[in-house]
N, C-alpha and C. Protein backbone atom coordinates (compact mmCIF):
# COMPACT_ATOMS: atom_id res chain seq x y z
N MET A 1 -6.95 15.60 31.01
CA MET A 1 -7.10 14.38 30.25
C MET A 1 -5.77 13.65 30.15
N GLY A 2 -4.67 14.38 30.01
CA GLY A 2 -3.36 13.76 29.89
C GLY A 2 -2.99 12.96 31.13
N SER A 3 -3.36 13.46 32.32
CA SER A 3 -3.01 12.74 33.54
C SER A 3 -3.84 11.46 33.69
N LEU A 4 -5.08 11.47 33.20
CA LEU A 4 -5.91 10.28 33.24
C LEU A 4 -5.35 9.21 32.30
N ALA A 5 -4.91 9.61 31.12
CA ALA A 5 -4.35 8.67 30.13
C ALA A 5 -3.10 7.99 30.67
N ALA A 6 -2.34 8.68 31.49
CA ALA A 6 -1.12 8.10 32.04
C ALA A 6 -1.42 6.96 33.02
N TRP A 7 -2.64 6.91 33.54
CA TRP A 7 -2.99 5.88 34.53
C TRP A 7 -3.76 4.71 33.95
N VAL A 8 -4.12 4.75 32.68
CA VAL A 8 -4.93 3.69 32.08
C VAL A 8 -4.17 2.37 32.07
N LEU A 9 -2.96 2.34 31.56
CA LEU A 9 -2.20 1.09 31.48
C LEU A 9 -1.85 0.55 32.86
N PRO A 10 -1.33 1.37 33.77
CA PRO A 10 -1.08 0.84 35.12
C PRO A 10 -2.35 0.32 35.80
N ALA A 11 -3.48 0.98 35.59
CA ALA A 11 -4.73 0.52 36.18
C ALA A 11 -5.15 -0.82 35.57
N PHE A 12 -4.96 -0.98 34.28
CA PHE A 12 -5.29 -2.25 33.63
C PHE A 12 -4.41 -3.38 34.16
N VAL A 13 -3.12 -3.14 34.31
CA VAL A 13 -2.19 -4.15 34.83
C VAL A 13 -2.57 -4.50 36.27
N ALA A 14 -2.87 -3.50 37.07
CA ALA A 14 -3.24 -3.75 38.46
C ALA A 14 -4.54 -4.55 38.53
N ALA A 15 -5.51 -4.22 37.67
CA ALA A 15 -6.77 -4.96 37.66
C ALA A 15 -6.56 -6.42 37.24
N ALA A 16 -5.71 -6.65 36.25
CA ALA A 16 -5.42 -8.02 35.81
C ALA A 16 -4.71 -8.81 36.91
N LEU A 17 -3.76 -8.17 37.58
CA LEU A 17 -3.07 -8.83 38.69
C LEU A 17 -4.05 -9.14 39.83
N GLY A 18 -4.87 -8.17 40.16
CA GLY A 18 -5.84 -8.37 41.24
C GLY A 18 -6.84 -9.46 40.92
N LEU A 19 -7.34 -9.50 39.71
CA LEU A 19 -8.29 -10.52 39.31
C LEU A 19 -7.64 -11.91 39.33
N GLY A 20 -6.40 -11.99 38.84
CA GLY A 20 -5.69 -13.26 38.87
C GLY A 20 -5.46 -13.76 40.28
N LEU A 21 -5.05 -12.87 41.16
CA LEU A 21 -4.82 -13.26 42.56
C LEU A 21 -6.13 -13.66 43.23
N ALA A 22 -7.21 -12.94 42.92
CA ALA A 22 -8.51 -13.27 43.52
C ALA A 22 -9.01 -14.64 43.07
N ARG A 23 -8.64 -15.05 41.90
CA ARG A 23 -9.06 -16.36 41.38
C ARG A 23 -8.07 -17.46 41.73
N GLY A 24 -7.03 -17.14 42.45
CA GLY A 24 -6.07 -18.14 42.89
C GLY A 24 -5.05 -18.55 41.83
N VAL A 25 -4.85 -17.71 40.83
CA VAL A 25 -3.89 -18.00 39.77
C VAL A 25 -2.49 -17.62 40.26
N ASP A 26 -1.52 -18.48 39.95
CA ASP A 26 -0.12 -18.13 40.21
C ASP A 26 0.29 -17.14 39.12
N VAL A 27 0.14 -15.84 39.42
CA VAL A 27 0.29 -14.78 38.43
C VAL A 27 1.70 -14.76 37.84
N PHE A 28 2.70 -14.94 38.68
CA PHE A 28 4.07 -14.91 38.19
C PHE A 28 4.33 -16.07 37.24
N GLU A 29 3.87 -17.25 37.57
CA GLU A 29 4.06 -18.43 36.70
C GLU A 29 3.29 -18.25 35.39
N ALA A 30 2.08 -17.69 35.46
CA ALA A 30 1.30 -17.44 34.24
C ALA A 30 2.01 -16.42 33.35
N PHE A 31 2.61 -15.40 33.97
CA PHE A 31 3.37 -14.41 33.21
C PHE A 31 4.56 -15.06 32.52
N LEU A 32 5.29 -15.90 33.25
CA LEU A 32 6.45 -16.57 32.66
C LEU A 32 6.04 -17.50 31.52
N GLU A 33 4.94 -18.21 31.68
CA GLU A 33 4.45 -19.09 30.61
C GLU A 33 4.08 -18.29 29.37
N GLY A 34 3.43 -17.16 29.56
CA GLY A 34 3.08 -16.30 28.42
C GLY A 34 4.31 -15.75 27.74
N ALA A 35 5.31 -15.35 28.52
CA ALA A 35 6.57 -14.87 27.94
C ALA A 35 7.26 -15.98 27.16
N ARG A 36 7.25 -17.19 27.69
CA ARG A 36 7.87 -18.34 27.02
C ARG A 36 7.17 -18.61 25.69
N GLU A 37 5.84 -18.61 25.69
CA GLU A 37 5.09 -18.83 24.45
C GLU A 37 5.35 -17.72 23.43
N GLY A 38 5.44 -16.49 23.91
CA GLY A 38 5.73 -15.37 23.01
C GLY A 38 7.09 -15.49 22.37
N LEU A 39 8.07 -15.91 23.15
CA LEU A 39 9.41 -16.09 22.62
C LEU A 39 9.46 -17.21 21.59
N LEU A 40 8.75 -18.30 21.85
CA LEU A 40 8.69 -19.40 20.87
C LEU A 40 8.01 -18.94 19.58
N LEU A 41 6.98 -18.10 19.70
CA LEU A 41 6.32 -17.57 18.52
C LEU A 41 7.27 -16.70 17.71
N VAL A 42 8.06 -15.88 18.39
CA VAL A 42 9.03 -15.04 17.69
C VAL A 42 10.00 -15.90 16.90
N PHE A 43 10.51 -16.96 17.50
CA PHE A 43 11.44 -17.84 16.81
C PHE A 43 10.78 -18.55 15.64
N ARG A 44 9.49 -18.86 15.76
CA ARG A 44 8.79 -19.56 14.70
C ARG A 44 8.51 -18.65 13.50
N ILE A 45 8.20 -17.37 13.72
CA ILE A 45 7.85 -16.50 12.60
C ILE A 45 9.02 -15.68 12.09
N PHE A 46 10.14 -15.65 12.80
CA PHE A 46 11.27 -14.83 12.38
C PHE A 46 11.74 -15.13 10.96
N PRO A 47 11.88 -16.39 10.54
CA PRO A 47 12.33 -16.63 9.16
C PRO A 47 11.39 -16.03 8.11
N TYR A 48 10.10 -16.03 8.37
CA TYR A 48 9.15 -15.47 7.42
C TYR A 48 9.31 -13.94 7.33
N ILE A 49 9.45 -13.31 8.47
CA ILE A 49 9.61 -11.86 8.49
C ILE A 49 10.92 -11.47 7.83
N LEU A 50 11.99 -12.20 8.12
CA LEU A 50 13.28 -11.92 7.50
C LEU A 50 13.19 -12.06 5.99
N ALA A 51 12.51 -13.11 5.51
CA ALA A 51 12.37 -13.31 4.07
C ALA A 51 11.63 -12.15 3.42
N VAL A 52 10.58 -11.65 4.07
CA VAL A 52 9.83 -10.52 3.51
C VAL A 52 10.72 -9.29 3.43
N TYR A 53 11.47 -8.99 4.48
CA TYR A 53 12.33 -7.80 4.47
C TYR A 53 13.45 -7.91 3.44
N VAL A 54 14.01 -9.10 3.28
CA VAL A 54 15.05 -9.28 2.26
C VAL A 54 14.45 -9.10 0.87
N ALA A 55 13.27 -9.66 0.64
CA ALA A 55 12.61 -9.51 -0.66
C ALA A 55 12.29 -8.05 -0.96
N ILE A 56 11.81 -7.32 0.04
CA ILE A 56 11.50 -5.90 -0.15
C ILE A 56 12.77 -5.12 -0.49
N GLY A 57 13.84 -5.38 0.26
CA GLY A 57 15.11 -4.70 -0.01
C GLY A 57 15.63 -5.01 -1.40
N ALA A 58 15.56 -6.25 -1.81
CA ALA A 58 16.02 -6.63 -3.14
C ALA A 58 15.15 -5.97 -4.22
N PHE A 59 13.84 -5.91 -3.99
CA PHE A 59 12.92 -5.29 -4.94
C PHE A 59 13.26 -3.81 -5.14
N ARG A 60 13.54 -3.12 -4.06
CA ARG A 60 13.86 -1.70 -4.15
C ARG A 60 15.26 -1.46 -4.69
N GLU A 61 16.25 -2.14 -4.14
CA GLU A 61 17.64 -1.86 -4.48
C GLU A 61 18.04 -2.36 -5.87
N SER A 62 17.35 -3.34 -6.40
CA SER A 62 17.67 -3.87 -7.73
C SER A 62 17.19 -2.95 -8.84
N GLY A 63 16.34 -2.02 -8.50
CA GLY A 63 15.75 -1.15 -9.51
C GLY A 63 14.43 -1.68 -10.04
N ALA A 64 14.01 -2.84 -9.54
CA ALA A 64 12.75 -3.44 -10.01
C ALA A 64 11.56 -2.55 -9.65
N LEU A 65 11.60 -1.89 -8.50
CA LEU A 65 10.50 -1.00 -8.12
C LEU A 65 10.40 0.16 -9.11
N ALA A 66 11.52 0.78 -9.42
CA ALA A 66 11.51 1.90 -10.37
C ALA A 66 11.05 1.43 -11.75
N TYR A 67 11.51 0.25 -12.17
CA TYR A 67 11.12 -0.29 -13.47
C TYR A 67 9.62 -0.59 -13.51
N ALA A 68 9.13 -1.27 -12.48
CA ALA A 68 7.70 -1.60 -12.41
C ALA A 68 6.85 -0.33 -12.33
N SER A 69 7.33 0.66 -11.60
CA SER A 69 6.60 1.93 -11.51
C SER A 69 6.52 2.60 -12.87
N GLY A 70 7.62 2.56 -13.61
CA GLY A 70 7.62 3.15 -14.95
C GLY A 70 6.67 2.45 -15.89
N LEU A 71 6.63 1.12 -15.81
CA LEU A 71 5.71 0.35 -16.67
C LEU A 71 4.25 0.62 -16.32
N ALA A 72 3.96 0.75 -15.05
CA ALA A 72 2.57 0.90 -14.61
C ALA A 72 2.08 2.34 -14.66
N ALA A 73 2.99 3.30 -14.75
CA ALA A 73 2.60 4.71 -14.65
C ALA A 73 1.65 5.14 -15.76
N GLN A 74 1.94 4.78 -17.01
CA GLN A 74 1.10 5.24 -18.11
C GLN A 74 -0.30 4.66 -18.07
N PRO A 75 -0.47 3.32 -17.93
CA PRO A 75 -1.85 2.81 -17.87
C PRO A 75 -2.61 3.32 -16.65
N LEU A 76 -1.92 3.47 -15.53
CA LEU A 76 -2.60 3.94 -14.32
C LEU A 76 -2.95 5.42 -14.41
N SER A 77 -2.13 6.20 -15.10
CA SER A 77 -2.45 7.63 -15.23
C SER A 77 -3.72 7.81 -16.05
N ALA A 78 -3.99 6.87 -16.97
CA ALA A 78 -5.25 6.93 -17.72
C ALA A 78 -6.45 6.69 -16.81
N LEU A 79 -6.21 6.03 -15.68
CA LEU A 79 -7.29 5.77 -14.72
C LEU A 79 -7.36 6.84 -13.63
N GLY A 80 -6.52 7.85 -13.73
CA GLY A 80 -6.56 8.94 -12.76
C GLY A 80 -5.53 8.85 -11.66
N VAL A 81 -4.56 7.97 -11.79
CA VAL A 81 -3.52 7.82 -10.77
C VAL A 81 -2.30 8.62 -11.22
N PRO A 82 -1.90 9.64 -10.47
CA PRO A 82 -0.70 10.38 -10.84
C PRO A 82 0.53 9.47 -10.80
N PRO A 83 1.46 9.62 -11.73
CA PRO A 83 2.65 8.76 -11.77
C PRO A 83 3.44 8.76 -10.46
N ALA A 84 3.41 9.85 -9.73
CA ALA A 84 4.16 9.92 -8.47
C ALA A 84 3.62 8.97 -7.42
N VAL A 85 2.36 8.56 -7.54
CA VAL A 85 1.73 7.71 -6.55
C VAL A 85 1.96 6.22 -6.84
N VAL A 86 2.38 5.89 -8.04
CA VAL A 86 2.53 4.49 -8.44
C VAL A 86 3.49 3.72 -7.53
N PRO A 87 4.66 4.27 -7.15
CA PRO A 87 5.51 3.50 -6.23
C PRO A 87 4.81 3.17 -4.91
N LEU A 88 4.00 4.07 -4.40
CA LEU A 88 3.24 3.80 -3.17
C LEU A 88 2.29 2.63 -3.39
N LEU A 89 1.63 2.62 -4.51
CA LEU A 89 0.69 1.55 -4.84
C LEU A 89 1.41 0.20 -4.89
N LEU A 90 2.64 0.17 -5.37
CA LEU A 90 3.39 -1.08 -5.48
C LEU A 90 4.02 -1.51 -4.16
N VAL A 91 4.41 -0.56 -3.34
CA VAL A 91 5.13 -0.88 -2.10
C VAL A 91 4.18 -1.17 -0.95
N ARG A 92 3.01 -0.58 -0.94
CA ARG A 92 2.08 -0.73 0.19
C ARG A 92 1.79 -2.18 0.56
N PRO A 93 1.56 -3.09 -0.39
CA PRO A 93 1.33 -4.48 0.01
C PRO A 93 2.57 -5.16 0.58
N LEU A 94 3.73 -4.58 0.38
CA LEU A 94 4.97 -5.20 0.84
C LEU A 94 5.39 -4.72 2.22
N SER A 95 5.36 -3.41 2.42
CA SER A 95 5.93 -2.85 3.65
C SER A 95 5.20 -1.59 4.06
N GLY A 96 4.67 -1.59 5.27
CA GLY A 96 4.00 -0.41 5.79
C GLY A 96 4.95 0.74 6.04
N SER A 97 6.14 0.44 6.56
CA SER A 97 7.09 1.51 6.86
C SER A 97 7.65 2.13 5.58
N ALA A 98 7.92 1.31 4.57
CA ALA A 98 8.39 1.87 3.29
C ALA A 98 7.29 2.70 2.64
N ALA A 99 6.05 2.22 2.72
CA ALA A 99 4.93 2.97 2.15
C ALA A 99 4.72 4.28 2.90
N LEU A 100 4.88 4.25 4.21
CA LEU A 100 4.74 5.48 4.99
C LEU A 100 5.83 6.48 4.61
N GLY A 101 7.05 5.99 4.39
CA GLY A 101 8.13 6.87 3.94
C GLY A 101 7.82 7.50 2.59
N LEU A 102 7.28 6.70 1.67
CA LEU A 102 6.89 7.25 0.37
C LEU A 102 5.76 8.27 0.52
N LEU A 103 4.80 7.99 1.40
CA LEU A 103 3.71 8.92 1.63
C LEU A 103 4.23 10.25 2.16
N VAL A 104 5.12 10.20 3.11
CA VAL A 104 5.70 11.43 3.67
C VAL A 104 6.41 12.23 2.58
N ASN A 105 7.17 11.54 1.74
CA ASN A 105 7.85 12.23 0.63
C ASN A 105 6.86 12.88 -0.31
N LEU A 106 5.78 12.16 -0.63
CA LEU A 106 4.76 12.73 -1.52
C LEU A 106 4.08 13.94 -0.89
N LEU A 107 3.77 13.85 0.40
CA LEU A 107 3.12 14.97 1.07
C LEU A 107 4.05 16.17 1.17
N ASN A 108 5.34 15.93 1.39
CA ASN A 108 6.30 17.04 1.43
C ASN A 108 6.47 17.68 0.06
N GLU A 109 6.46 16.87 -0.99
CA GLU A 109 6.68 17.39 -2.33
C GLU A 109 5.44 18.05 -2.93
N TYR A 110 4.29 17.43 -2.77
CA TYR A 110 3.07 17.91 -3.43
C TYR A 110 2.11 18.63 -2.49
N GLY A 111 2.24 18.38 -1.20
CA GLY A 111 1.33 18.98 -0.22
C GLY A 111 0.16 18.07 0.08
N PRO A 112 -0.35 18.13 1.30
CA PRO A 112 -1.45 17.23 1.68
C PRO A 112 -2.78 17.54 1.00
N ASP A 113 -2.96 18.78 0.54
CA ASP A 113 -4.23 19.15 -0.08
C ASP A 113 -4.20 19.06 -1.60
N SER A 114 -3.08 18.63 -2.15
CA SER A 114 -2.99 18.46 -3.60
C SER A 114 -3.72 17.17 -3.99
N PRO A 115 -4.09 17.04 -5.26
CA PRO A 115 -4.71 15.77 -5.69
C PRO A 115 -3.80 14.56 -5.42
N THR A 116 -2.52 14.74 -5.64
CA THR A 116 -1.56 13.65 -5.39
C THR A 116 -1.50 13.33 -3.90
N GLY A 117 -1.44 14.34 -3.07
CA GLY A 117 -1.38 14.13 -1.62
C GLY A 117 -2.63 13.49 -1.07
N ARG A 118 -3.80 13.93 -1.56
CA ARG A 118 -5.06 13.33 -1.10
C ARG A 118 -5.16 11.87 -1.51
N LEU A 119 -4.85 11.59 -2.77
CA LEU A 119 -4.94 10.21 -3.25
C LEU A 119 -3.95 9.32 -2.51
N ALA A 120 -2.73 9.79 -2.31
CA ALA A 120 -1.73 8.99 -1.60
C ALA A 120 -2.17 8.71 -0.17
N SER A 121 -2.76 9.69 0.48
CA SER A 121 -3.23 9.51 1.85
C SER A 121 -4.36 8.48 1.93
N VAL A 122 -5.30 8.56 1.00
CA VAL A 122 -6.40 7.61 0.99
C VAL A 122 -5.89 6.21 0.65
N MET A 123 -4.95 6.12 -0.30
CA MET A 123 -4.37 4.81 -0.64
C MET A 123 -3.66 4.18 0.54
N GLN A 124 -2.97 4.99 1.31
CA GLN A 124 -2.24 4.46 2.46
C GLN A 124 -3.20 3.79 3.44
N GLY A 125 -4.39 4.34 3.57
CA GLY A 125 -5.35 3.78 4.51
C GLY A 125 -6.30 2.77 3.90
N SER A 126 -6.20 2.51 2.61
CA SER A 126 -7.17 1.64 1.95
C SER A 126 -6.68 0.21 1.76
N SER A 127 -5.51 -0.08 2.27
CA SER A 127 -4.97 -1.42 2.02
C SER A 127 -4.14 -1.86 3.23
N GLU A 128 -3.61 -3.05 3.11
CA GLU A 128 -2.84 -3.65 4.20
C GLU A 128 -1.46 -4.03 3.67
N THR A 129 -0.55 -4.21 4.57
CA THR A 129 0.78 -4.72 4.20
C THR A 129 0.66 -6.23 4.06
N THR A 130 0.13 -6.64 2.94
CA THR A 130 -0.31 -8.01 2.70
C THR A 130 0.78 -9.04 2.96
N LEU A 131 1.95 -8.87 2.37
CA LEU A 131 2.97 -9.91 2.51
C LEU A 131 3.47 -10.02 3.95
N TYR A 132 3.59 -8.90 4.62
CA TYR A 132 4.02 -8.93 6.01
C TYR A 132 2.97 -9.63 6.88
N VAL A 133 1.72 -9.26 6.70
CA VAL A 133 0.64 -9.85 7.51
C VAL A 133 0.52 -11.35 7.24
N LEU A 134 0.57 -11.73 5.97
CA LEU A 134 0.50 -13.16 5.66
C LEU A 134 1.69 -13.91 6.26
N SER A 135 2.87 -13.32 6.21
CA SER A 135 4.05 -13.97 6.79
C SER A 135 3.88 -14.19 8.28
N VAL A 136 3.41 -13.17 8.96
CA VAL A 136 3.25 -13.28 10.41
C VAL A 136 2.13 -14.24 10.78
N TYR A 137 0.95 -14.04 10.19
CA TYR A 137 -0.19 -14.86 10.58
C TYR A 137 -0.07 -16.31 10.14
N LEU A 138 0.26 -16.52 8.88
CA LEU A 138 0.36 -17.90 8.40
C LEU A 138 1.60 -18.58 8.95
N GLY A 139 2.68 -17.83 9.09
CA GLY A 139 3.89 -18.41 9.66
C GLY A 139 3.72 -18.78 11.12
N SER A 140 2.92 -18.03 11.85
CA SER A 140 2.75 -18.32 13.28
C SER A 140 1.97 -19.60 13.52
N VAL A 141 1.15 -20.01 12.56
CA VAL A 141 0.39 -21.25 12.72
C VAL A 141 0.92 -22.37 11.83
N GLY A 142 2.01 -22.10 11.12
CA GLY A 142 2.69 -23.13 10.35
C GLY A 142 2.06 -23.47 9.01
N ILE A 143 1.29 -22.57 8.43
CA ILE A 143 0.70 -22.83 7.11
C ILE A 143 1.74 -22.53 6.05
N ARG A 144 2.02 -23.49 5.19
CA ARG A 144 3.05 -23.34 4.16
C ARG A 144 2.48 -22.93 2.80
N ARG A 145 1.31 -23.41 2.47
CA ARG A 145 0.70 -23.11 1.17
C ARG A 145 -0.16 -21.85 1.31
N SER A 146 0.40 -20.72 0.95
CA SER A 146 -0.32 -19.46 1.15
C SER A 146 -0.81 -18.85 -0.16
N GLY A 147 -0.69 -19.59 -1.26
CA GLY A 147 -1.09 -19.04 -2.57
C GLY A 147 -2.50 -18.51 -2.63
N PRO A 148 -3.51 -19.30 -2.24
CA PRO A 148 -4.88 -18.78 -2.30
C PRO A 148 -5.09 -17.56 -1.40
N ALA A 149 -4.53 -17.58 -0.22
CA ALA A 149 -4.68 -16.43 0.67
C ALA A 149 -4.01 -15.20 0.07
N LEU A 150 -2.82 -15.38 -0.50
CA LEU A 150 -2.11 -14.26 -1.13
C LEU A 150 -2.92 -13.68 -2.28
N ALA A 151 -3.49 -14.54 -3.12
CA ALA A 151 -4.28 -14.06 -4.25
C ALA A 151 -5.48 -13.24 -3.78
N PHE A 152 -6.19 -13.73 -2.78
CA PHE A 152 -7.36 -13.00 -2.28
C PHE A 152 -6.95 -11.69 -1.61
N CYS A 153 -5.85 -11.71 -0.88
CA CYS A 153 -5.40 -10.48 -0.21
C CYS A 153 -4.95 -9.44 -1.22
N LEU A 154 -4.22 -9.85 -2.25
CA LEU A 154 -3.80 -8.89 -3.28
C LEU A 154 -5.00 -8.37 -4.06
N PHE A 155 -6.01 -9.22 -4.27
CA PHE A 155 -7.25 -8.76 -4.89
C PHE A 155 -7.91 -7.70 -4.01
N GLY A 156 -7.92 -7.95 -2.70
CA GLY A 156 -8.47 -6.96 -1.77
C GLY A 156 -7.71 -5.65 -1.81
N ASP A 157 -6.38 -5.74 -1.92
CA ASP A 157 -5.58 -4.52 -2.06
C ASP A 157 -5.95 -3.76 -3.34
N ALA A 158 -6.10 -4.50 -4.45
CA ALA A 158 -6.46 -3.86 -5.71
C ALA A 158 -7.82 -3.18 -5.62
N VAL A 159 -8.77 -3.83 -4.96
CA VAL A 159 -10.10 -3.22 -4.76
C VAL A 159 -9.97 -1.96 -3.90
N GLY A 160 -9.15 -2.05 -2.85
CA GLY A 160 -8.94 -0.88 -2.00
C GLY A 160 -8.30 0.27 -2.75
N PHE A 161 -7.33 -0.04 -3.59
CA PHE A 161 -6.69 1.01 -4.39
C PHE A 161 -7.68 1.62 -5.38
N ALA A 162 -8.46 0.78 -6.05
CA ALA A 162 -9.45 1.29 -7.00
C ALA A 162 -10.49 2.15 -6.28
N ALA A 163 -10.92 1.70 -5.11
CA ALA A 163 -11.88 2.48 -4.33
C ALA A 163 -11.29 3.81 -3.89
N SER A 164 -10.00 3.82 -3.57
CA SER A 164 -9.38 5.08 -3.15
C SER A 164 -9.30 6.06 -4.32
N VAL A 165 -9.02 5.56 -5.53
CA VAL A 165 -9.00 6.43 -6.71
C VAL A 165 -10.39 7.00 -6.95
N TRP A 166 -11.40 6.12 -6.88
CA TRP A 166 -12.78 6.57 -7.10
C TRP A 166 -13.20 7.57 -6.03
N ALA A 167 -12.96 7.24 -4.77
CA ALA A 167 -13.41 8.10 -3.66
C ALA A 167 -12.72 9.45 -3.71
N THR A 168 -11.43 9.45 -4.00
CA THR A 168 -10.71 10.72 -4.06
C THR A 168 -11.25 11.58 -5.20
N ALA A 169 -11.49 10.97 -6.35
CA ALA A 169 -12.04 11.72 -7.48
C ALA A 169 -13.45 12.21 -7.17
N PHE A 170 -14.26 11.34 -6.57
CA PHE A 170 -15.65 11.70 -6.27
C PHE A 170 -15.72 12.85 -5.28
N PHE A 171 -14.97 12.76 -4.20
CA PHE A 171 -15.07 13.79 -3.17
C PHE A 171 -14.29 15.04 -3.51
N SER A 172 -13.39 14.96 -4.49
CA SER A 172 -12.69 16.16 -4.94
C SER A 172 -13.59 17.05 -5.78
N ARG A 173 -14.58 16.43 -6.43
CA ARG A 173 -15.53 17.20 -7.24
C ARG A 173 -16.55 17.93 -6.38
N ALA A 174 -16.84 17.38 -5.21
CA ALA A 174 -17.89 17.93 -4.36
C ALA A 174 -17.49 19.23 -3.71
């Protein structure tokens, strides 16, 4: 199976080249045009991505994450969320890589089969990196007013987090 997987991408590239040549497309020129458009897209969305990363860094390094986690820990623990998971809940909409780092730390500390580890794992998969996705998608098409989209996406994250708490509790009893 491993040797077959190694040939999938080269076979796809060869098929695309062959189909383009069969249809009379100048494949090299089409490739260059696609690369040019991709580079322009990178330049168009880079400021949005940079702003998100700077905001995430400031949120973490200023102590605001720790402060917000402390404020949210008590009310969320009444809902069944262990205090150790609260930073993951706050960081996940901001950064997938930071959330993954927090998840790894939680799994190393509590174990993957612990209630904390199970809930953190389900939470990681129940939401999206909202601010990053909005920055890339809305920035790539030049939409400046993202308030309504942000509100709906954060609501979706909250629903995903609530569902992960419920699902983890429900399936832990079974």
